[in-house]
Protein backbone atom coordinates (compact mmCIF):
# COMPACT_ATOMS: atom_id res chain seq x y z
CA MET A 1 6.86 -21.00 31.35
CA SER A 2 7.62 -22.74 28.14
CA PRO A 3 9.29 -20.70 25.33
CA VAL A 4 7.14 -19.36 22.77
CA GLU A 5 7.54 -21.09 19.29
CA PRO A 6 8.99 -19.14 16.54
CA LEU A 7 6.92 -17.95 13.63
CA ILE A 8 7.41 -17.77 9.78
CA CYS A 9 6.32 -14.50 8.43
CA VAL A 10 6.16 -14.59 4.68
CA ASP A 11 5.88 -11.89 2.04
CA ILE A 12 4.45 -13.75 -1.26
CA GLY A 13 5.29 -11.29 -3.78
CA SER A 14 4.68 -11.21 -7.25
CA THR A 15 8.35 -11.96 -8.04
CA TYR A 16 10.02 -13.36 -5.03
CA THR A 17 8.48 -14.89 -1.62
CA LYS A 18 10.50 -13.28 1.35
CA ALA A 19 10.55 -15.19 4.77
CA ALA A 20 11.72 -14.12 8.09
CA LEU A 21 11.88 -16.61 11.11
CA VAL A 22 11.02 -14.49 14.10
CA ASP A 23 11.21 -15.41 17.84
CA GLY A 24 7.46 -14.90 18.73
CA ASP A 25 8.39 -13.68 22.40
CA THR A 26 11.09 -11.41 21.84
CA GLY A 27 10.84 -10.33 18.44
CA HIS A 28 14.36 -11.55 17.65
CA LEU A 29 15.16 -12.30 13.77
CA LEU A 30 16.45 -15.71 13.87
CA ALA A 31 16.89 -16.11 10.19
CA THR A 32 15.57 -15.12 6.51
CA ALA A 33 15.28 -16.82 3.24
CA ALA A 34 13.84 -15.83 -0.12
CA HIS A 35 12.71 -17.90 -3.29
CA PRO A 36 11.23 -16.81 -6.55
CA THR A 37 7.55 -16.97 -6.20
CA THR A 38 6.00 -20.17 -7.78
CA ILE A 39 3.21 -18.50 -9.37
CA GLY A 40 3.32 -20.90 -12.39
CA THR A 41 2.77 -23.91 -10.07
CA ASP A 42 1.74 -23.37 -6.77
CA VAL A 43 2.65 -20.27 -4.48
CA LEU A 44 2.97 -22.63 -1.48
CA ASP A 45 5.98 -24.34 -3.47
CA GLY A 46 7.88 -21.07 -2.91
CA VAL A 47 6.85 -21.06 0.89
CA ASP A 48 7.95 -24.58 1.35
CA ALA A 49 11.15 -23.75 -0.40
CA CYS A 50 11.74 -20.88 2.14
CA ARG A 51 10.78 -22.90 5.05
CA ASP A 52 13.45 -25.45 3.89
CA GLU A 53 16.17 -22.79 3.63
CA LEU A 54 15.14 -21.56 7.15
CA ALA A 55 15.44 -24.94 8.58
CA LEU A 56 19.09 -25.11 7.56
CA SER A 57 19.60 -22.21 10.01
CA HIS A 58 17.36 -22.93 12.80
CA ALA A 59 15.67 -26.31 13.63
CA GLY A 60 12.40 -24.63 14.78
CA ALA A 61 11.52 -23.55 11.44
CA GLY A 62 10.06 -27.02 10.53
CA THR A 63 7.10 -26.90 12.76
CA ALA A 64 6.87 -23.03 12.89
CA GLU A 65 3.33 -21.48 12.22
CA VAL A 66 3.36 -19.42 8.94
CA LEU A 67 1.76 -16.06 8.71
CA ALA A 68 1.71 -14.68 5.24
CA CYS A 69 0.79 -11.56 3.31
CA SER A 70 0.54 -11.56 -0.54
CA SER A 71 0.72 -9.37 -3.43
CA ALA A 72 0.91 -12.22 -5.97
CA GLY A 73 -1.56 -12.44 -8.70
CA GLY A 74 -1.88 -8.66 -9.20
CA GLY A 75 -2.34 -7.82 -5.57
CA LEU A 76 -5.77 -6.29 -4.41
CA ARG A 77 -7.65 -4.70 -7.04
CA ILE A 78 -10.18 -2.13 -5.53
CA ALA A 79 -12.73 -0.13 -7.35
CA VAL A 80 -14.50 2.99 -5.60
CA VAL A 81 -18.03 4.06 -6.33
CA GLY A 82 -19.36 7.41 -4.59
CA ASN A 83 -21.50 10.19 -4.79
CA GLU A 84 -19.36 13.22 -5.57
CA GLU A 85 -15.75 13.12 -7.14
CA LEU A 86 -14.13 15.77 -4.87
CA VAL A 87 -15.72 14.37 -1.53
CA THR A 88 -16.98 10.56 -0.62
CA ALA A 89 -15.44 9.37 -4.18
CA GLU A 90 -11.94 10.91 -3.29
CA ALA A 91 -12.35 9.59 0.46
CA GLY A 92 -12.98 6.19 -0.64
CA ARG A 93 -9.80 6.42 -2.97
CA ARG A 94 -7.77 7.37 -0.03
CA VAL A 95 -9.05 4.63 2.32
CA ALA A 96 -8.72 2.08 -0.59
CA LEU A 97 -4.92 3.01 -0.98
CA SER A 98 -4.44 2.60 2.69
CA SER A 99 -6.07 -0.70 2.64
CA GLY A 100 -3.31 -2.12 0.51
CA GLY A 101 -5.07 -2.01 -2.77
CA LYS A 102 -4.44 -0.86 -6.03
CA VAL A 103 -7.07 1.39 -7.15
CA VAL A 104 -8.23 0.09 -10.64
CA ALA A 105 -11.37 2.96 -11.00
CA VAL A 106 -12.96 5.75 -9.11
CA LEU A 107 -16.58 6.60 -10.23
CA ALA A 108 -18.75 9.21 -9.11
CA GLY A 109 -22.35 10.65 -9.77
CA GLY A 110 -24.36 7.39 -10.42
CA LEU A 111 -23.73 4.02 -12.24
CA ALA A 112 -25.03 4.72 -15.68
CA ALA A 113 -24.44 2.00 -18.36
CA SER A 114 -21.26 3.80 -19.60
CA ALA A 115 -19.83 3.67 -15.83
CA LEU A 116 -20.98 0.22 -15.30
CA GLU A 117 -18.90 -0.83 -18.57
CA VAL A 118 -15.94 0.78 -16.75
CA LEU A 119 -16.36 -0.73 -13.61
CA GLU A 120 -16.84 -4.21 -15.13
CA GLY A 121 -13.76 -3.45 -17.26
CA ALA A 122 -11.51 -2.74 -14.40
CA ARG A 123 -12.04 -6.18 -12.94
CA PRO A 124 -11.85 -5.15 -9.23
CA ASP A 125 -11.30 -7.83 -6.50
CA VAL A 126 -13.32 -5.56 -4.05
CA LEU A 127 -15.69 -2.95 -4.61
CA LEU A 128 -15.94 -0.02 -2.04
CA LEU A 129 -19.28 1.66 -2.29
CA VAL A 130 -19.54 5.06 -0.47
CA GLY A 131 -21.71 8.15 -0.55
CA GLY A 132 -23.26 10.60 1.64
CA THR A 133 -22.52 11.86 4.97
CA ASP A 134 -24.30 10.34 8.12
CA GLY A 135 -28.13 11.12 7.88
CA GLY A 136 -27.37 13.15 4.49
CA ASN A 137 -27.90 12.66 0.88
CA SER A 138 -27.81 8.80 0.25
CA GLU A 139 -29.96 8.82 -2.71
CA VAL A 140 -26.95 7.99 -5.09
CA LEU A 141 -25.62 5.39 -2.69
CA VAL A 142 -28.90 3.54 -2.62
CA ALA A 143 -29.54 3.86 -6.53
CA ASP A 144 -25.87 2.48 -6.83
CA ALA A 145 -26.55 -0.55 -4.80
CA ALA A 146 -29.95 -1.22 -6.63
CA VAL A 147 -28.14 -1.05 -9.93
CA LEU A 148 -25.24 -3.58 -8.91
CA SER A 149 -28.10 -5.70 -7.68
CA ASP A 150 -29.97 -5.60 -10.87
CA ARG A 151 -26.68 -6.55 -12.46
CA ARG A 152 -26.22 -9.52 -10.11
CA TRP A 153 -22.79 -8.10 -9.05
CA SER A 154 -21.17 -11.10 -7.72
CA GLY A 155 -17.84 -9.39 -6.46
CA PRO A 156 -17.53 -8.59 -2.83
CA VAL A 157 -18.65 -5.17 -1.79
CA VAL A 158 -17.64 -3.08 1.26
CA VAL A 159 -20.51 -0.62 1.98
CA ALA A 160 -19.00 2.35 3.76
CA GLY A 161 -21.39 5.24 3.21
CA ASP A 162 -24.50 6.91 5.01
CA VAL A 163 -25.35 4.65 7.91
CA ASP A 164 -29.16 5.48 7.75
CA ALA A 165 -29.13 3.87 4.35
CA ARG A 166 -27.77 0.39 5.36
CA ASP A 167 -31.13 -1.46 5.63
CA THR A 168 -32.07 -0.32 2.09
CA VAL A 169 -28.58 -1.12 0.75
CA SER A 170 -28.64 -4.52 2.58
CA ALA A 171 -31.90 -5.47 1.21
CA SER A 172 -30.45 -4.74 -2.47
CA PHE A 173 -27.62 -6.87 -2.12
CA ASP A 174 -29.39 -9.72 -0.10
CA ALA A 175 -31.97 -10.05 -2.96
CA SER A 176 -29.14 -10.37 -5.58
CA GLY A 177 -26.82 -12.65 -3.39
CA THR A 178 -24.06 -10.19 -3.70
CA PRO A 179 -21.48 -10.77 -1.09
CA TYR A 180 -21.21 -7.47 1.16
CA VAL A 181 -20.02 -6.31 4.28
CA LEU A 182 -21.26 -3.22 6.17
CA ALA A 183 -18.59 -0.68 7.64
CA GLY A 184 -18.64 2.93 9.39
CA ASN A 185 -18.95 5.75 6.91
CA VAL A 186 -15.74 6.92 5.44
CA VAL A 187 -17.01 10.49 5.60
CA PRO A 188 -19.18 10.74 8.59
CA LYS A 189 -19.57 14.45 8.20
CA ILE A 190 -17.96 16.98 5.95
CA GLY A 191 -14.28 17.45 6.83
CA VAL A 192 -14.05 14.15 8.58
CA LEU A 193 -12.19 11.14 7.21
CA ALA A 194 -12.82 7.84 9.14
CA PRO A 195 -11.02 5.09 7.29
CA ASP A 196 -10.41 2.46 9.98
CA SER A 197 -13.81 0.50 9.87
CA ALA A 198 -13.58 0.35 6.11
CA ARG A 199 -9.87 -0.70 6.20
CA ALA A 200 -10.78 -3.62 8.35
CA ALA A 201 -13.84 -4.53 6.40
CA ILE A 202 -11.79 -4.60 3.00
CA ARG A 203 -9.08 -6.84 4.64
CA GLU A 204 -12.15 -9.20 5.80
CA MET A 205 -13.30 -9.32 2.06
CA PHE A 206 -9.55 -9.78 0.81
CA LEU A 207 -9.22 -12.82 3.11
CA ALA A 208 -12.76 -14.27 2.63
CA HIS A 209 -13.35 -13.78 -1.06
CA VAL A 210 -10.20 -12.82 -2.94
CA ILE A 211 -7.02 -15.04 -1.78
CA GLY A 212 -9.14 -18.29 -2.60
CA GLY A 213 -10.14 -16.90 -6.10
CA LYS A 214 -6.79 -15.98 -7.56
CA GLY A 215 -5.94 -19.56 -8.24
CA LEU A 216 -2.61 -19.24 -6.47
CA SER A 217 -2.70 -22.37 -4.74
CA SER A 218 -4.64 -25.63 -4.59
CA ARG A 219 -4.12 -26.21 -0.98
CA ALA A 220 -6.53 -25.20 1.71
CA ASP A 221 -3.83 -23.93 3.90
CA LEU A 222 -2.95 -20.84 1.98
CA THR A 223 -6.19 -19.09 3.26
CA ALA A 224 -5.22 -19.77 6.71
CA MET A 225 -1.79 -18.53 6.49
CA VAL A 226 -2.79 -15.08 4.70
CA ARG A 227 -3.53 -12.19 6.90
CA GLY A 228 -3.93 -9.64 4.49
CA ALA A 229 -2.58 -7.81 1.45
CA THR A 230 1.08 -6.91 1.70
CA PRO A 231 0.80 -3.27 1.47
CA ASP A 232 -1.88 -3.11 4.13
CA LEU A 233 0.31 -5.13 6.48
CA VAL A 234 3.37 -2.94 5.38
CA LEU A 235 1.13 0.34 6.50
CA THR A 236 0.42 -1.37 9.93
CA ALA A 237 3.96 -1.96 10.28
CA VAL A 238 4.88 1.82 9.69
CA GLU A 239 2.20 2.61 12.32
CA VAL A 240 4.03 0.37 14.67
CA LEU A 241 7.28 1.70 13.91
CA ALA A 242 6.12 5.30 14.40
CA ALA A 243 4.75 4.32 17.85
CA ALA A 244 7.51 2.37 18.94
CA THR A 245 10.17 5.03 18.21
CA ALA A 246 7.91 8.09 18.76
CA ARG A 247 8.90 9.43 15.57
CA ASP A 248 7.20 10.62 12.29
CA VAL A 249 8.10 8.01 9.53
CA ALA A 250 8.01 7.56 5.90
CA VAL A 251 8.74 4.38 3.90
CA VAL A 252 9.45 4.32 0.17
CA ASP A 253 8.95 1.14 -1.43
CA ILE A 254 10.50 0.88 -4.80
CA GLY A 255 9.04 -2.20 -6.87
CA GLY A 256 8.86 -3.64 -10.23
CA ALA A 257 5.56 -2.24 -11.21
CA THR A 258 4.83 0.39 -8.60
CA THR A 259 6.49 2.40 -6.10
CA ASP A 260 4.63 2.88 -2.65
CA VAL A 261 5.02 5.67 -0.18
CA HIS A 262 3.60 4.87 3.31
CA SER A 263 3.89 7.63 6.08
CA VAL A 264 2.78 8.32 9.66
CA VAL A 265 3.19 11.82 10.76
CA ARG A 266 1.52 14.10 13.36
CA LEU A 267 -0.92 16.49 11.99
CA ASP A 268 -0.64 20.24 13.43
CA PRO A 269 -4.16 21.24 14.15
CA GLU A 270 -3.28 24.94 13.81
CA GLU A 271 -2.79 24.24 10.16
CA ALA A 272 -5.93 22.33 9.38
CA GLY A 273 -7.70 23.36 6.32
CA LEU A 274 -4.68 25.11 4.73
CA ALA A 275 -4.78 22.88 1.77
CA ARG A 276 -8.49 23.87 1.41
CA GLU A 277 -9.25 20.07 1.25
CA VAL A 278 -13.09 19.18 1.45
CA VAL A 279 -11.76 15.47 2.81
CA ALA A 280 -9.71 15.99 5.88
CA SER A 281 -6.19 14.70 6.00
CA THR A 282 -4.96 11.67 8.47
CA PRO A 283 -2.07 10.82 10.12
CA VAL A 284 -1.48 7.60 8.29
CA THR A 285 -1.45 7.73 4.63
CA ARG A 286 -0.22 5.62 1.72
CA THR A 287 0.27 6.23 -2.05
CA VAL A 288 0.82 3.93 -4.79
CA GLU A 289 2.24 5.14 -8.21
CA GLY A 290 1.50 2.49 -10.87
CA ASP A 291 3.62 4.40 -13.33
CA LEU A 292 6.70 4.21 -11.49
CA GLY A 293 8.76 0.83 -11.16
CA MET A 294 12.06 -0.92 -11.79
CA ARG A 295 10.72 -3.52 -14.63
CA TRP A 296 7.27 -3.43 -15.64
CA SER A 297 6.81 0.16 -15.30
CA ALA A 298 10.32 1.08 -16.31
CA LEU A 299 9.40 2.81 -19.63
CA SER A 300 6.82 5.00 -17.77
CA THR A 301 9.21 5.85 -15.01
CA TRP A 302 11.77 7.22 -17.64
CA GLU A 303 8.99 9.13 -19.26
CA ALA A 304 7.92 10.85 -15.86
CA GLY A 305 11.57 11.35 -15.20
CA VAL A 306 12.15 13.24 -18.57
CA GLU A 307 8.91 15.35 -17.85
CA ALA A 308 10.25 16.17 -14.23
CA GLY A 309 13.76 17.14 -15.69
CA LEU A 310 15.46 14.18 -13.74
CA LEU A 311 16.32 11.96 -16.66
CA GLY A 312 17.53 12.46 -20.34
CA GLU A 313 17.18 10.30 -23.73
CA ASP A 314 20.02 8.62 -22.84
CA LEU A 315 18.36 6.15 -20.38
CA ARG A 316 15.52 5.10 -22.57
CA PRO A 317 17.07 2.07 -24.24
CA ALA A 318 17.77 0.85 -20.56
CA ALA A 319 13.95 1.35 -19.80
CA VAL A 320 12.64 -0.24 -22.72
CA ARG A 321 14.86 -3.41 -22.17
CA ARG A 322 13.85 -3.67 -18.69
CA SER A 323 9.98 -3.05 -19.23
CA GLY A 324 10.22 -5.87 -22.08
CA ASP A 325 12.08 -8.17 -19.40
CA PRO A 326 10.88 -7.91 -16.07
CA ALA A 327 13.17 -10.68 -14.96
CA PHE A 328 16.24 -8.78 -15.90
CA LEU A 329 19.29 -8.71 -13.60
CA PRO A 330 21.85 -6.09 -13.89
CA ALA A 331 25.33 -7.81 -14.48
CA THR A 332 27.55 -4.96 -15.32
CA GLY A 333 28.60 -1.62 -13.68
CA THR A 334 26.75 0.11 -16.54
CA GLU A 335 23.45 -1.86 -15.85
CA ARG A 336 23.86 -1.27 -12.05
CA THR A 337 24.29 2.61 -12.56
CA GLU A 338 21.18 2.45 -14.85
CA ASP A 339 19.35 0.66 -12.32
CA GLU A 340 20.21 3.15 -9.71
CA ARG A 341 19.12 6.28 -11.73
CA LEU A 342 15.75 4.55 -12.34
CA ALA A 343 15.18 3.72 -8.63
CA ALA A 344 16.30 7.36 -7.69
CA THR A 345 13.85 8.81 -10.22
CA ALA A 346 10.85 6.30 -9.31
CA ALA A 347 11.50 7.28 -5.50
CA THR A 348 11.87 11.09 -6.20
CA ILE A 349 8.52 11.29 -7.97
CA ALA A 350 6.77 9.15 -5.95
CA LEU A 351 7.63 10.96 -2.59
CA ARG A 352 7.02 14.36 -4.27
CA ARG A 353 3.53 13.07 -5.34
CA HIS A 354 2.79 11.93 -1.78
CA ALA A 355 4.24 14.75 0.05
CA GLY A 356 2.95 17.54 -2.27
CA ARG A 357 3.92 21.46 -2.04
CA SER A 358 3.43 24.47 -0.02
CA ARG A 359 3.09 27.68 -1.52
CA VAL A 360 1.63 31.02 -1.02
CA VAL A 361 -1.37 32.06 -3.23
CA VAL A 362 -3.44 35.13 -3.35
CA GLY A 363 -7.08 34.62 -2.92
CA PRO A 364 -10.25 36.79 -2.07
CA THR A 365 -9.19 37.38 1.60
CA GLY A 366 -5.64 37.98 0.87
CA ARG A 367 -2.47 35.84 0.88
CA VAL A 368 -3.03 32.14 1.86
CA LEU A 369 -0.50 29.36 2.70
CA GLU A 370 -1.72 26.58 0.61
CA ARG A 371 -0.64 22.98 0.94
CA THR A 372 -1.30 19.73 -0.89
CA GLY A 373 -0.24 16.01 -0.10
CA THR A 374 1.03 15.05 3.14
CA ASP A 375 3.56 17.44 4.74
CA LEU A 376 6.65 15.07 5.38
CA ARG A 377 9.03 17.92 6.56
CA GLU A 378 9.13 16.84 10.06
CA VAL A 379 9.60 13.25 9.14
CA SER A 380 12.63 12.12 11.24
CA LEU A 381 13.09 8.43 9.89
CA LEU A 382 12.99 7.41 6.27
CA VAL A 383 13.07 3.97 5.54
CA GLY A 384 13.79 2.50 1.80
CA SER A 385 12.47 -0.88 0.89
CA GLY A 386 12.33 -2.94 -2.32
CA GLY A 387 14.74 -5.30 -4.05
CA VAL A 388 16.76 -2.49 -5.70
CA LEU A 389 17.76 -1.20 -2.36
CA ARG A 390 18.24 -4.28 -0.69
CA HIS A 391 20.56 -5.78 -2.99
CA ALA A 392 22.45 -2.57 -3.92
CA PRO A 393 25.80 -1.68 -2.25
CA PRO A 394 25.20 0.49 0.83
CA GLU A 395 26.78 3.44 -0.88
CA ALA A 396 24.32 3.03 -3.64
CA ALA A 397 21.23 2.94 -1.44
CA THR A 398 22.50 5.88 0.48
CA ARG A 399 22.85 7.92 -2.78
CA ILE A 400 19.32 7.06 -3.81
CA LEU A 401 17.72 7.86 -0.30
CA SER A 402 19.83 11.10 0.28
CA GLY A 403 18.57 12.51 -3.02
CA LEU A 404 14.97 12.34 -1.43
CA VAL A 405 15.72 14.80 1.32
CA GLY A 406 16.51 18.35 2.12
CA ARG A 407 14.52 21.81 1.65
CA SER A 408 13.18 22.05 -1.82
CA PRO A 409 13.49 25.21 -3.61
CA ASP A 410 10.09 24.49 -5.34
CA GLY A 411 8.28 23.85 -2.29
CA TRP A 412 8.12 20.02 -2.05
CA GLN A 413 7.30 19.06 1.37
CA LEU A 414 10.05 16.38 1.53
CA PRO A 415 11.77 15.38 4.82
CA ASP A 416 14.34 18.08 6.00
CA ASP A 417 16.88 15.74 7.68
CA PRO A 418 15.85 12.37 8.54
CA THR A 419 17.81 9.30 9.62
CA LEU A 420 18.10 7.25 6.57
CA LEU A 421 17.68 3.30 6.75
CA VAL A 422 17.01 0.40 4.26
CA ASP A 423 14.86 -2.61 5.39
CA ARG A 424 17.48 -5.33 4.19
CA HIS A 425 15.79 -8.24 6.10
CA TYR A 426 12.33 -7.84 5.22
CA VAL A 427 11.49 -6.76 8.63
CA LEU A 428 8.50 -4.36 7.75
CA ALA A 429 6.32 -7.06 6.32
CA ALA A 430 7.18 -9.31 9.36
CA VAL A 431 6.14 -6.57 11.88
CA GLY A 432 2.70 -5.91 10.22
CA LEU A 433 2.01 -9.61 10.47
CA LEU A 434 3.09 -9.87 13.87
CA ALA A 435 1.27 -6.70 15.03
CA GLU A 436 -2.09 -8.42 16.06
CA ARG A 437 -0.92 -11.92 17.15
CA ARG A 438 2.30 -10.86 18.97
CA PRO A 439 2.28 -7.05 19.44
CA GLN A 440 5.43 -6.91 21.71
CA ALA A 441 7.36 -9.20 19.53
CA ALA A 442 6.22 -6.90 16.68
CA VAL A 443 7.43 -3.56 18.67
CA ALA A 444 10.86 -5.14 19.34
CA LEU A 445 11.38 -6.11 15.60
CA ALA A 446 10.26 -2.72 14.67
CA ARG A 447 12.73 -1.03 16.87
CA SER A 448 15.42 -3.41 15.53
CA LEU A 449 15.32 -1.58 12.34
CA THR A 450 17.05 1.43 14.21
CA ALA A 451 19.54 -0.31 16.35
């Protein structure tokens, strides 16, 4: 049997393009490379530069197939349109986040003229149209489809509402020429959240309509390379890692503009409903905090840190400098300390928002344990990602991650005592890219994180 050719797994980020050369059979990491993302010319220039660098370490890189994910050009922008704010629109928001998108608008109750203005102003790459349980009230879903059709909405739409309304919705979009794909209902019945079908449909629309439309490259091979949005593939990787290690896993990815948290946890059926949520929790969850980041969002990170009692006025000049110069790199001990404080703040607040709190409240039936968010207390593996952690000295990265764990006197459902790791070699994106084509290699590569 001839050996399997290596694969180049590339994450085309807004700032840097990162590449990993992986043995397609064993999942062994052969070499890594990075290059500033060449957004000003053609993003494939940066990919080519990474291939050239990899080829210096391994001859197989010169002819290896490239699998890529991308968050360049602003990433995947998703708008959600649903029936009720607390049910289908909220379910759609959660699905959009887990699909690797940045949610730029959530609208509910019908697309009146003012709502349409908001929707158009949000400039979504993909619109997720939801509404009604299966066989339930689909009037708003049907009406919204008709409004979009009358408006000649040209952007791609994923329809993930009442399946009984599919024919009517399809007729509206067929008449207007709006590109759309039908997915399973995200809320087939009250108390059930079914994200998988819509997640797959959003990825399909991202590949078919978004990548080519961002003007990232003049070369046709970009579309052939890209398998999905980077956060979507990273969430897939977290699922692979959780299954491969049989552990509850959380990943905190500290970026320049956002801080993302991905988690895969086993839900306790005996505690279902404690948070009084109409939309059910799911084992796989992702949140994106657009106000928390190291560069573009540095000032809002400082503001959030002050509000949370984590930072003082002294760090404001550093935050202003970084938000005004996203290419800033720390050159002194003081600047590196400032970066560490901002990173710790972004990670802490993002993880708190993701995990939520548990507390006892008094209701009509007496004392009730109420929970919000995703309970991370049993998470046994916490992985840090992002340039600020990859390039920090090990002791600094450990300090940042250590501040995220332990029992909270304020009820935050943070990991109690997990193993702490940093993804220093871009392994998670590569695992997500390999998961479908080379599942055994993906599992082996994921396990290498904990070796």
